[in-house]
Amino acid sequence: MIEWRGIFRRAGHVAAGVVALGGLYGSAHAQARPQPVRIAYGAAPAGVCLFSLSMALGGSRAGQDGTQRLQQLQASIKTELDQEEGAILAQTRTLQAQSKTMPAGQYQQAAAQLQQRAQAFLRLRQTRENQIVQTRVNAERQISAAINPILSNLVTARQCGVLLDRGAAYGFNGNADLTSDVIQRVNVSLPQVQVVLAPPTAAP
């Protein structure tokens, strides 16, 4: 008896959920950081600045637009994969129903073809997953390219002697944070991001 459903379910679905642009950068900090108590912080130290790349990527208009477009791509891929999986499972049920009346040689040949189709489906799903990941990376690179010169100019203008990751700070005076200013300027320079499904990578 042939049973592909377990194979499909164990492998998981590529369309289970999109990580928002910038989401991977700040996830570890968000999970580990305790909730800060209310503290009246003193003046921001001269030359010390803070910045969050994850917030700039995800909080900008381009980042929000990119996340929405990624979700649309992922929904389309989910439809494609669900249709193929359903067709394979239907073919499996049909073959199983015919197994008692079908000649042994013919059944083995049909089962081998079905196995090839199922394995091709698993490869396709992995390919689509890789494409979605690379598409997200490409979108983040576009936003990062817009962020870098803006951040550099702000660091110079604010005379920042050190630039720290905002996500690593337990608390701070907001005047030291450059993130909001970066987002505002990126919204002007890059209101949208180009999101096109990345081509499949060649097998090694």
N, C-alpha and C. Protein backbone atom coordinates (compact mmCIF):
# COMPACT_ATOMS: atom_id res chain seq x y z
N MET A 1 0.85 -1.20 0.00
CA MET A 1 0.00 0.00 0.00
C MET A 1 0.88 1.24 0.00
N ILE A 2 0.47 2.23 -0.79
CA ILE A 2 1.23 3.47 -0.91
C ILE A 2 0.60 4.53 -0.03
N GLU A 3 1.41 5.25 0.72
CA GLU A 3 0.91 6.32 1.59
C GLU A 3 1.88 7.48 1.56
N TRP A 4 1.52 8.54 0.83
CA TRP A 4 2.39 9.69 0.71
C TRP A 4 2.05 10.79 1.70
N ARG A 5 0.87 10.77 2.28
CA ARG A 5 0.43 11.88 3.11
C ARG A 5 1.41 12.16 4.24
N GLY A 6 1.92 11.09 4.88
CA GLY A 6 2.87 11.30 5.98
C GLY A 6 4.13 12.00 5.52
N ILE A 7 4.60 11.65 4.33
CA ILE A 7 5.80 12.28 3.79
C ILE A 7 5.56 13.77 3.59
N PHE A 8 4.40 14.10 3.01
CA PHE A 8 4.09 15.49 2.75
C PHE A 8 4.02 16.28 4.04
N ARG A 9 3.31 15.73 5.04
CA ARG A 9 3.08 16.49 6.26
C ARG A 9 4.37 16.65 7.06
N ARG A 10 5.23 15.63 7.05
CA ARG A 10 6.48 15.74 7.80
C ARG A 10 7.37 16.82 7.22
N ALA A 11 7.32 17.00 5.90
CA ALA A 11 8.18 17.97 5.26
C ALA A 11 7.75 19.40 5.54
N GLY A 12 6.49 19.60 5.84
CA GLY A 12 6.00 20.93 6.18
C GLY A 12 5.62 21.72 4.94
N HIS A 13 5.03 22.89 5.15
CA HIS A 13 4.55 23.72 4.05
C HIS A 13 5.39 24.97 3.93
N VAL A 14 5.75 25.32 2.71
CA VAL A 14 6.51 26.54 2.48
C VAL A 14 5.68 27.75 2.82
N ALA A 15 4.36 27.64 2.75
CA ALA A 15 3.50 28.81 2.95
C ALA A 15 2.98 28.91 4.37
N ALA A 16 3.72 28.38 5.33
CA ALA A 16 3.25 28.41 6.71
C ALA A 16 3.22 29.82 7.27
N GLY A 17 4.07 30.71 6.79
CA GLY A 17 4.05 32.08 7.28
C GLY A 17 5.29 32.84 6.86
N VAL A 18 5.10 34.06 6.45
CA VAL A 18 6.21 34.89 6.02
C VAL A 18 6.81 35.63 7.20
N VAL A 19 8.12 35.63 7.29
CA VAL A 19 8.78 36.48 8.26
C VAL A 19 8.84 37.87 7.67
N ALA A 20 8.34 38.87 8.40
CA ALA A 20 8.35 40.23 7.90
C ALA A 20 9.77 40.70 7.64
N LEU A 21 9.91 41.62 6.72
CA LEU A 21 11.24 42.15 6.43
C LEU A 21 11.86 42.71 7.70
N GLY A 22 13.08 42.29 7.96
CA GLY A 22 13.75 42.71 9.17
C GLY A 22 13.44 41.84 10.36
N GLY A 23 12.51 40.90 10.21
CA GLY A 23 12.07 40.10 11.35
C GLY A 23 13.15 39.21 11.92
N LEU A 24 14.03 38.69 11.08
CA LEU A 24 15.06 37.78 11.56
C LEU A 24 16.14 38.50 12.34
N TYR A 25 16.33 39.79 12.09
CA TYR A 25 17.40 40.52 12.75
C TYR A 25 17.12 40.71 14.23
N GLY A 26 15.85 40.97 14.57
CA GLY A 26 15.55 41.32 15.95
C GLY A 26 14.88 40.25 16.77
N SER A 27 14.67 39.06 16.19
CA SER A 27 13.88 38.04 16.87
C SER A 27 14.53 37.54 18.15
N ALA A 28 15.85 37.36 18.14
CA ALA A 28 16.52 36.83 19.33
C ALA A 28 16.43 37.82 20.48
N HIS A 29 16.64 39.10 20.19
CA HIS A 29 16.54 40.11 21.23
C HIS A 29 15.12 40.19 21.78
N ALA A 30 14.13 40.11 20.88
CA ALA A 30 12.74 40.25 21.32
C ALA A 30 12.33 39.12 22.24
N GLN A 31 12.86 37.92 22.02
CA GLN A 31 12.49 36.78 22.84
C GLN A 31 13.20 36.81 24.19
N ALA A 32 14.42 37.33 24.24
CA ALA A 32 15.20 37.25 25.47
C ALA A 32 15.08 38.48 26.35
N ARG A 33 14.71 39.64 25.77
CA ARG A 33 14.73 40.88 26.52
C ARG A 33 13.56 40.97 27.48
N PRO A 34 13.80 41.22 28.77
CA PRO A 34 12.70 41.39 29.71
C PRO A 34 12.01 42.73 29.50
N GLN A 35 10.78 42.84 30.00
CA GLN A 35 10.07 44.10 29.92
C GLN A 35 10.74 45.13 30.84
N PRO A 36 11.17 46.28 30.30
CA PRO A 36 11.85 47.27 31.14
C PRO A 36 10.87 47.97 32.07
N VAL A 37 11.36 48.34 33.23
CA VAL A 37 10.55 49.14 34.15
C VAL A 37 10.64 50.60 33.71
N ARG A 38 9.72 51.43 34.19
CA ARG A 38 9.74 52.85 33.83
C ARG A 38 10.89 53.54 34.57
N ILE A 39 11.80 54.09 33.80
CA ILE A 39 12.96 54.76 34.36
C ILE A 39 13.11 56.14 33.71
N ALA A 40 13.38 57.14 34.52
CA ALA A 40 13.64 58.48 34.00
C ALA A 40 15.13 58.57 33.68
N TYR A 41 15.48 58.39 32.43
CA TYR A 41 16.88 58.39 32.04
C TYR A 41 17.42 59.82 31.97
N GLY A 42 18.69 59.95 32.23
CA GLY A 42 19.35 61.24 32.15
C GLY A 42 19.60 61.64 30.72
N ALA A 43 20.32 62.70 30.56
CA ALA A 43 20.63 63.19 29.22
C ALA A 43 21.42 62.16 28.44
N ALA A 44 21.17 62.12 27.13
CA ALA A 44 21.91 61.19 26.28
C ALA A 44 23.38 61.57 26.26
N PRO A 45 24.28 60.62 26.47
CA PRO A 45 25.72 60.94 26.46
C PRO A 45 26.15 61.46 25.09
N ALA A 46 26.95 62.46 25.08
CA ALA A 46 27.45 63.02 23.82
C ALA A 46 28.25 61.97 23.06
N GLY A 47 27.96 61.84 21.78
CA GLY A 47 28.71 60.92 20.94
C GLY A 47 28.22 59.49 20.97
N VAL A 48 27.23 59.16 21.78
CA VAL A 48 26.69 57.80 21.86
C VAL A 48 25.33 57.77 21.18
N CYS A 49 25.19 56.96 20.14
CA CYS A 49 23.94 56.87 19.38
C CYS A 49 23.48 55.42 19.29
N LEU A 50 22.19 55.25 19.07
CA LEU A 50 21.58 53.93 18.96
C LEU A 50 20.86 53.81 17.62
N PHE A 51 20.78 52.58 17.14
CA PHE A 51 20.06 52.35 15.88
C PHE A 51 19.60 50.90 15.83
N SER A 52 18.38 50.67 15.30
CA SER A 52 17.85 49.32 15.12
C SER A 52 17.65 49.05 13.64
N LEU A 53 18.45 48.16 13.08
CA LEU A 53 18.29 47.80 11.67
C LEU A 53 16.98 47.08 11.43
N SER A 54 16.60 46.19 12.33
CA SER A 54 15.37 45.43 12.15
C SER A 54 14.15 46.35 12.13
N MET A 55 14.14 47.35 13.01
CA MET A 55 13.02 48.29 13.04
C MET A 55 13.00 49.16 11.78
N ALA A 56 14.16 49.53 11.30
CA ALA A 56 14.22 50.35 10.08
C ALA A 56 13.77 49.54 8.86
N LEU A 57 14.17 48.28 8.80
CA LEU A 57 13.75 47.44 7.68
C LEU A 57 12.25 47.18 7.70
N GLY A 58 11.75 46.80 8.86
CA GLY A 58 10.34 46.42 8.95
C GLY A 58 9.40 47.58 9.12
N GLY A 59 9.89 48.69 9.69
CA GLY A 59 9.02 49.81 9.98
C GLY A 59 8.90 50.82 8.86
N SER A 60 9.77 50.75 7.89
CA SER A 60 9.70 51.67 6.76
C SER A 60 8.54 51.30 5.85
N ARG A 61 8.11 52.27 5.04
CA ARG A 61 7.04 51.98 4.08
C ARG A 61 7.47 50.90 3.09
N ALA A 62 8.73 50.95 2.69
CA ALA A 62 9.24 49.93 1.77
C ALA A 62 9.22 48.56 2.42
N GLY A 63 9.56 48.49 3.70
CA GLY A 63 9.54 47.22 4.40
C GLY A 63 8.13 46.67 4.53
N GLN A 64 7.18 47.52 4.84
CA GLN A 64 5.79 47.08 4.97
C GLN A 64 5.22 46.66 3.62
N ASP A 65 5.57 47.44 2.59
CA ASP A 65 5.14 47.08 1.23
C ASP A 65 5.77 45.75 0.81
N GLY A 66 7.05 45.57 1.11
CA GLY A 66 7.72 44.32 0.75
C GLY A 66 7.13 43.12 1.45
N THR A 67 6.79 43.28 2.72
CA THR A 67 6.18 42.18 3.46
C THR A 67 4.84 41.78 2.85
N GLN A 68 4.04 42.77 2.46
CA GLN A 68 2.75 42.48 1.85
C GLN A 68 2.92 41.75 0.52
N ARG A 69 3.89 42.17 -0.26
CA ARG A 69 4.14 41.52 -1.55
C ARG A 69 4.66 40.09 -1.35
N LEU A 70 5.48 39.89 -0.34
CA LEU A 70 5.95 38.54 -0.04
C LEU A 70 4.79 37.62 0.34
N GLN A 71 3.87 38.15 1.11
CA GLN A 71 2.71 37.36 1.50
C GLN A 71 1.87 36.97 0.29
N GLN A 72 1.77 37.86 -0.68
CA GLN A 72 1.03 37.55 -1.89
C GLN A 72 1.73 36.46 -2.70
N LEU A 73 3.04 36.55 -2.81
CA LEU A 73 3.80 35.51 -3.50
C LEU A 73 3.64 34.17 -2.80
N GLN A 74 3.69 34.20 -1.49
CA GLN A 74 3.61 32.96 -0.73
C GLN A 74 2.23 32.32 -0.85
N ALA A 75 1.19 33.15 -0.90
CA ALA A 75 -0.17 32.62 -1.08
C ALA A 75 -0.30 31.95 -2.45
N SER A 76 0.31 32.53 -3.46
CA SER A 76 0.28 31.94 -4.80
C SER A 76 1.01 30.60 -4.83
N ILE A 77 2.15 30.55 -4.16
CA ILE A 77 2.92 29.30 -4.09
C ILE A 77 2.14 28.23 -3.33
N LYS A 78 1.48 28.63 -2.27
CA LYS A 78 0.69 27.68 -1.48
C LYS A 78 -0.39 27.05 -2.34
N THR A 79 -1.06 27.87 -3.15
CA THR A 79 -2.09 27.33 -4.05
C THR A 79 -1.49 26.32 -5.02
N GLU A 80 -0.34 26.67 -5.60
CA GLU A 80 0.33 25.77 -6.53
C GLU A 80 0.67 24.43 -5.88
N LEU A 81 1.24 24.48 -4.68
CA LEU A 81 1.67 23.26 -4.00
C LEU A 81 0.48 22.45 -3.50
N ASP A 82 -0.55 23.13 -3.00
CA ASP A 82 -1.73 22.41 -2.52
C ASP A 82 -2.41 21.65 -3.66
N GLN A 83 -2.45 22.26 -4.83
CA GLN A 83 -3.08 21.59 -5.97
C GLN A 83 -2.31 20.34 -6.38
N GLU A 84 -1.00 20.45 -6.42
CA GLU A 84 -0.19 19.29 -6.81
C GLU A 84 -0.25 18.20 -5.76
N GLU A 85 -0.20 18.58 -4.48
CA GLU A 85 -0.30 17.58 -3.42
C GLU A 85 -1.65 16.87 -3.47
N GLY A 86 -2.72 17.63 -3.68
CA GLY A 86 -4.05 17.03 -3.77
C GLY A 86 -4.15 16.07 -4.94
N ALA A 87 -3.53 16.44 -6.07
CA ALA A 87 -3.58 15.56 -7.24
C ALA A 87 -2.82 14.26 -6.98
N ILE A 88 -1.70 14.34 -6.29
CA ILE A 88 -0.92 13.14 -5.99
C ILE A 88 -1.68 12.23 -5.02
N LEU A 89 -2.30 12.82 -4.01
CA LEU A 89 -3.06 12.01 -3.06
C LEU A 89 -4.26 11.37 -3.73
N ALA A 90 -4.92 12.09 -4.65
CA ALA A 90 -6.05 11.51 -5.38
C ALA A 90 -5.57 10.36 -6.26
N GLN A 91 -4.43 10.54 -6.91
CA GLN A 91 -3.88 9.47 -7.74
C GLN A 91 -3.50 8.26 -6.89
N THR A 92 -3.01 8.52 -5.68
CA THR A 92 -2.67 7.43 -4.76
C THR A 92 -3.90 6.63 -4.39
N ARG A 93 -4.98 7.32 -4.06
CA ARG A 93 -6.22 6.62 -3.68
C ARG A 93 -6.77 5.80 -4.85
N THR A 94 -6.68 6.36 -6.05
CA THR A 94 -7.15 5.64 -7.23
C THR A 94 -6.34 4.38 -7.46
N LEU A 95 -5.03 4.50 -7.33
CA LEU A 95 -4.16 3.35 -7.55
C LEU A 95 -4.40 2.28 -6.49
N GLN A 96 -4.60 2.70 -5.27
CA GLN A 96 -4.87 1.74 -4.20
C GLN A 96 -6.18 1.01 -4.45
N ALA A 97 -7.17 1.70 -4.95
CA ALA A 97 -8.47 1.08 -5.22
C ALA A 97 -8.37 0.07 -6.36
N GLN A 98 -7.43 0.28 -7.27
CA GLN A 98 -7.26 -0.61 -8.42
C GLN A 98 -6.24 -1.71 -8.17
N SER A 99 -5.61 -1.69 -7.02
CA SER A 99 -4.49 -2.60 -6.78
C SER A 99 -4.90 -4.07 -6.82
N LYS A 100 -6.14 -4.41 -6.42
CA LYS A 100 -6.55 -5.81 -6.37
C LYS A 100 -6.92 -6.36 -7.74
N THR A 101 -7.25 -5.49 -8.68
CA THR A 101 -7.65 -5.95 -10.01
C THR A 101 -6.58 -5.68 -11.07
N MET A 102 -5.62 -4.90 -10.75
CA MET A 102 -4.58 -4.54 -11.72
C MET A 102 -3.48 -5.59 -11.74
N PRO A 103 -2.99 -5.97 -12.90
CA PRO A 103 -1.86 -6.91 -12.97
C PRO A 103 -0.66 -6.39 -12.17
N ALA A 104 0.07 -7.31 -11.56
CA ALA A 104 1.15 -6.92 -10.66
C ALA A 104 2.18 -6.03 -11.35
N GLY A 105 2.58 -6.40 -12.56
CA GLY A 105 3.58 -5.61 -13.27
C GLY A 105 3.09 -4.20 -13.56
N GLN A 106 1.84 -4.08 -13.96
CA GLN A 106 1.27 -2.77 -14.26
C GLN A 106 1.17 -1.92 -12.99
N TYR A 107 0.80 -2.58 -11.89
CA TYR A 107 0.68 -1.86 -10.62
C TYR A 107 2.05 -1.34 -10.17
N GLN A 108 3.06 -2.17 -10.27
CA GLN A 108 4.40 -1.75 -9.85
C GLN A 108 4.90 -0.58 -10.69
N GLN A 109 4.61 -0.63 -11.99
CA GLN A 109 5.02 0.47 -12.86
C GLN A 109 4.30 1.76 -12.49
N ALA A 110 3.00 1.67 -12.23
CA ALA A 110 2.23 2.85 -11.86
C ALA A 110 2.67 3.39 -10.50
N ALA A 111 2.99 2.48 -9.57
CA ALA A 111 3.44 2.90 -8.25
C ALA A 111 4.80 3.60 -8.34
N ALA A 112 5.68 3.11 -9.21
CA ALA A 112 6.99 3.74 -9.38
C ALA A 112 6.85 5.13 -9.97
N GLN A 113 5.94 5.29 -10.93
CA GLN A 113 5.71 6.61 -11.51
C GLN A 113 5.13 7.58 -10.49
N LEU A 114 4.24 7.06 -9.66
CA LEU A 114 3.65 7.89 -8.62
C LEU A 114 4.71 8.32 -7.61
N GLN A 115 5.61 7.40 -7.29
CA GLN A 115 6.69 7.74 -6.36
C GLN A 115 7.57 8.83 -6.94
N GLN A 116 7.87 8.76 -8.22
CA GLN A 116 8.68 9.79 -8.87
C GLN A 116 7.98 11.14 -8.81
N ARG A 117 6.66 11.11 -9.01
CA ARG A 117 5.90 12.37 -8.96
C ARG A 117 5.93 12.96 -7.54
N ALA A 118 5.79 12.09 -6.55
CA ALA A 118 5.82 12.56 -5.17
C ALA A 118 7.18 13.14 -4.80
N GLN A 119 8.24 12.49 -5.23
CA GLN A 119 9.58 13.01 -4.95
C GLN A 119 9.83 14.33 -5.67
N ALA A 120 9.32 14.45 -6.90
CA ALA A 120 9.45 15.70 -7.63
C ALA A 120 8.70 16.82 -6.92
N PHE A 121 7.56 16.47 -6.31
CA PHE A 121 6.79 17.46 -5.57
C PHE A 121 7.58 17.96 -4.36
N LEU A 122 8.23 17.06 -3.65
CA LEU A 122 9.02 17.46 -2.49
C LEU A 122 10.18 18.37 -2.90
N ARG A 123 10.78 18.07 -4.03
CA ARG A 123 11.87 18.92 -4.52
C ARG A 123 11.33 20.30 -4.91
N LEU A 124 10.15 20.31 -5.53
CA LEU A 124 9.54 21.58 -5.92
C LEU A 124 9.24 22.43 -4.70
N ARG A 125 8.73 21.79 -3.66
CA ARG A 125 8.39 22.55 -2.46
C ARG A 125 9.65 23.15 -1.82
N GLN A 126 10.74 22.39 -1.79
CA GLN A 126 11.98 22.91 -1.24
C GLN A 126 12.50 24.06 -2.10
N THR A 127 12.36 23.92 -3.42
CA THR A 127 12.78 24.98 -4.32
C THR A 127 12.00 26.26 -4.07
N ARG A 128 10.69 26.14 -3.93
CA ARG A 128 9.86 27.32 -3.69
C ARG A 128 10.20 27.96 -2.34
N GLU A 129 10.48 27.15 -1.34
CA GLU A 129 10.86 27.69 -0.03
C GLU A 129 12.15 28.49 -0.15
N ASN A 130 13.12 27.93 -0.87
CA ASN A 130 14.39 28.64 -1.07
C ASN A 130 14.18 29.95 -1.84
N GLN A 131 13.27 29.91 -2.81
CA GLN A 131 13.00 31.11 -3.59
C GLN A 131 12.40 32.22 -2.71
N ILE A 132 11.49 31.85 -1.83
CA ILE A 132 10.87 32.84 -0.95
C ILE A 132 11.93 33.46 -0.03
N VAL A 133 12.80 32.61 0.51
CA VAL A 133 13.86 33.11 1.41
C VAL A 133 14.76 34.09 0.65
N GLN A 134 15.17 33.73 -0.56
CA GLN A 134 16.06 34.59 -1.33
C GLN A 134 15.34 35.88 -1.75
N THR A 135 14.05 35.79 -2.02
CA THR A 135 13.28 36.98 -2.38
C THR A 135 13.25 37.96 -1.22
N ARG A 136 13.06 37.44 0.00
CA ARG A 136 13.07 38.30 1.18
C ARG A 136 14.44 38.95 1.36
N VAL A 137 15.49 38.16 1.17
CA VAL A 137 16.86 38.70 1.30
C VAL A 137 17.09 39.82 0.27
N ASN A 138 16.62 39.60 -0.96
CA ASN A 138 16.81 40.61 -2.01
C ASN A 138 16.07 41.90 -1.66
N ALA A 139 14.87 41.78 -1.09
CA ALA A 139 14.11 42.96 -0.71
C ALA A 139 14.81 43.71 0.42
N GLU A 140 15.33 42.97 1.39
CA GLU A 140 16.02 43.61 2.50
C GLU A 140 17.30 44.31 2.03
N ARG A 141 17.95 43.74 1.04
CA ARG A 141 19.17 44.37 0.51
C ARG A 141 18.84 45.72 -0.11
N GLN A 142 17.71 45.82 -0.80
CA GLN A 142 17.32 47.09 -1.40
C GLN A 142 17.10 48.16 -0.33
N ILE A 143 16.42 47.78 0.75
CA ILE A 143 16.16 48.74 1.81
C ILE A 143 17.46 49.09 2.54
N SER A 144 18.30 48.10 2.76
CA SER A 144 19.59 48.36 3.42
C SER A 144 20.43 49.33 2.61
N ALA A 145 20.37 49.19 1.27
CA ALA A 145 21.13 50.10 0.41
C ALA A 145 20.64 51.53 0.55
N ALA A 146 19.35 51.71 0.82
CA ALA A 146 18.80 53.06 1.04
C ALA A 146 19.13 53.55 2.44
N ILE A 147 19.18 52.63 3.40
CA ILE A 147 19.45 53.01 4.79
C ILE A 147 20.89 53.48 4.98
N ASN A 148 21.83 52.79 4.37
CA ASN A 148 23.24 53.02 4.68
C ASN A 148 23.69 54.48 4.53
N PRO A 149 23.44 55.13 3.39
CA PRO A 149 23.89 56.52 3.28
C PRO A 149 23.15 57.46 4.22
N ILE A 150 21.88 57.18 4.46
CA ILE A 150 21.10 58.00 5.39
C ILE A 150 21.66 57.88 6.80
N LEU A 151 21.93 56.66 7.22
CA LEU A 151 22.49 56.44 8.55
C LEU A 151 23.86 57.08 8.68
N SER A 152 24.66 56.96 7.63
CA SER A 152 25.99 57.56 7.65
C SER A 152 25.92 59.07 7.83
N ASN A 153 25.00 59.70 7.11
CA ASN A 153 24.86 61.16 7.22
C ASN A 153 24.39 61.56 8.62
N LEU A 154 23.48 60.80 9.18
CA LEU A 154 22.99 61.11 10.53
C LEU A 154 24.08 60.93 11.58
N VAL A 155 24.87 59.89 11.43
CA VAL A 155 25.97 59.66 12.37
C VAL A 155 26.94 60.84 12.33
N THR A 156 27.21 61.34 11.13
CA THR A 156 28.11 62.49 11.01
C THR A 156 27.47 63.75 11.60
N ALA A 157 26.19 63.96 11.27
CA ALA A 157 25.51 65.16 11.74
C ALA A 157 25.37 65.18 13.26
N ARG A 158 25.12 64.00 13.84
CA ARG A 158 24.95 63.92 15.31
C ARG A 158 26.29 63.74 16.03
N GLN A 159 27.35 63.66 15.27
CA GLN A 159 28.69 63.48 15.84
C GLN A 159 28.74 62.24 16.75
N CYS A 160 28.24 61.13 16.21
CA CYS A 160 28.23 59.88 16.97
C CYS A 160 29.62 59.28 17.00
N GLY A 161 30.18 59.14 18.18
CA GLY A 161 31.47 58.49 18.31
C GLY A 161 31.34 56.99 18.37
N VAL A 162 30.16 56.50 18.75
CA VAL A 162 29.88 55.07 18.81
C VAL A 162 28.41 54.87 18.45
N LEU A 163 28.14 53.85 17.66
CA LEU A 163 26.77 53.52 17.26
C LEU A 163 26.45 52.13 17.79
N LEU A 164 25.49 52.06 18.69
CA LEU A 164 25.14 50.80 19.35
C LEU A 164 23.83 50.25 18.80
N ASP A 165 23.67 48.93 18.92
CA ASP A 165 22.43 48.28 18.52
C ASP A 165 21.35 48.60 19.55
N ARG A 166 20.31 49.25 19.12
CA ARG A 166 19.22 49.61 20.03
C ARG A 166 18.64 48.38 20.71
N GLY A 167 18.56 47.26 20.00
CA GLY A 167 17.98 46.05 20.55
C GLY A 167 18.76 45.48 21.72
N ALA A 168 20.03 45.86 21.85
CA ALA A 168 20.85 45.34 22.95
C ALA A 168 20.76 46.21 24.19
N ALA A 169 20.08 47.36 24.09
CA ALA A 169 19.97 48.28 25.22
C ALA A 169 18.73 47.97 26.04
N TYR A 170 18.89 47.89 27.35
CA TYR A 170 17.74 47.66 28.23
C TYR A 170 16.84 48.88 28.26
N GLY A 171 17.42 50.05 28.21
CA GLY A 171 16.68 51.30 28.20
C GLY A 171 17.61 52.43 27.79
N PHE A 172 17.05 53.57 27.40
CA PHE A 172 17.89 54.66 26.94
C PHE A 172 17.08 55.94 26.81
N ASN A 173 17.77 57.04 26.74
CA ASN A 173 17.16 58.32 26.42
C ASN A 173 16.89 58.34 24.92
N GLY A 174 15.65 58.62 24.57
CA GLY A 174 15.25 58.54 23.17
C GLY A 174 16.00 59.48 22.25
N ASN A 175 16.60 60.52 22.80
CA ASN A 175 17.36 61.45 21.96
C ASN A 175 18.59 60.81 21.34
N ALA A 176 19.03 59.69 21.90
CA ALA A 176 20.21 59.02 21.36
C ALA A 176 19.87 58.08 20.20
N ASP A 177 18.56 57.85 19.97
CA ASP A 177 18.12 56.86 18.98
C ASP A 177 17.96 57.51 17.60
N LEU A 178 18.61 56.94 16.61
CA LEU A 178 18.53 57.45 15.24
C LEU A 178 17.48 56.75 14.40
N THR A 179 16.86 55.70 14.94
CA THR A 179 16.00 54.83 14.13
C THR A 179 14.84 55.56 13.48
N SER A 180 14.11 56.36 14.25
CA SER A 180 12.93 57.05 13.70
C SER A 180 13.33 58.00 12.58
N ASP A 181 14.43 58.73 12.77
CA ASP A 181 14.88 59.66 11.73
C ASP A 181 15.28 58.91 10.46
N VAL A 182 15.91 57.75 10.64
CA VAL A 182 16.28 56.94 9.47
C VAL A 182 15.03 56.50 8.72
N ILE A 183 14.04 56.00 9.45
CA ILE A 183 12.80 55.52 8.82
C ILE A 183 12.12 56.65 8.05
N GLN A 184 12.03 57.81 8.65
CA GLN A 184 11.38 58.94 7.98
C GLN A 184 12.07 59.29 6.67
N ARG A 185 13.37 59.25 6.66
CA ARG A 185 14.11 59.60 5.44
C ARG A 185 14.07 58.49 4.40
N VAL A 186 14.07 57.25 4.86
CA VAL A 186 13.95 56.13 3.92
C VAL A 186 12.57 56.14 3.27
N ASN A 187 11.55 56.53 4.02
CA ASN A 187 10.20 56.60 3.45
C ASN A 187 10.13 57.55 2.26
N VAL A 188 10.98 58.56 2.28
CA VAL A 188 11.02 59.52 1.18
C VAL A 188 11.86 58.99 0.02
N SER A 189 13.02 58.43 0.34
CA SER A 189 13.95 58.00 -0.71
C SER A 189 13.55 56.67 -1.35
N LEU A 190 12.86 55.81 -0.59
CA LEU A 190 12.48 54.50 -1.11
C LEU A 190 11.10 54.13 -0.57
N PRO A 191 10.02 54.68 -1.16
CA PRO A 191 8.68 54.39 -0.64
C PRO A 191 8.22 52.97 -0.93
N GLN A 192 8.77 52.35 -1.95
CA GLN A 192 8.40 50.98 -2.30
C GLN A 192 9.66 50.17 -2.61
N VAL A 193 9.52 48.86 -2.50
CA VAL A 193 10.64 47.97 -2.79
C VAL A 193 10.21 46.99 -3.88
N GLN A 194 11.13 46.64 -4.75
CA GLN A 194 10.83 45.69 -5.82
C GLN A 194 10.90 44.27 -5.26
N VAL A 195 9.78 43.56 -5.36
CA VAL A 195 9.72 42.19 -4.87
C VAL A 195 9.30 41.28 -6.02
N VAL A 196 10.26 40.56 -6.55
CA VAL A 196 10.03 39.60 -7.64
C VAL A 196 10.57 38.25 -7.17
N LEU A 197 9.78 37.20 -7.38
CA LEU A 197 10.20 35.88 -6.93
C LEU A 197 11.57 35.54 -7.51
N ALA A 198 12.51 35.23 -6.64
CA ALA A 198 13.87 34.91 -7.07
C ALA A 198 13.86 33.63 -7.91
N PRO A 199 14.70 33.55 -8.93
CA PRO A 199 14.74 32.34 -9.75
C PRO A 199 15.29 31.16 -8.97
N PRO A 200 14.91 29.95 -9.35
CA PRO A 200 15.45 28.77 -8.67
C PRO A 200 16.96 28.70 -8.84
N THR A 201 17.64 28.28 -7.80
CA THR A 201 19.09 28.11 -7.89
C THR A 201 19.38 26.76 -8.52
N ALA A 202 20.44 26.71 -9.30
CA ALA A 202 20.81 25.45 -9.96
C ALA A 202 21.28 24.44 -8.93
N ALA A 203 20.88 23.19 -9.14
CA ALA A 203 21.31 22.11 -8.24
C ALA A 203 22.80 21.90 -8.39
N PRO A 204 23.52 21.65 -7.26
CA PRO A 204 24.97 21.46 -7.33
C PRO A 204 25.32 20.17 -8.07
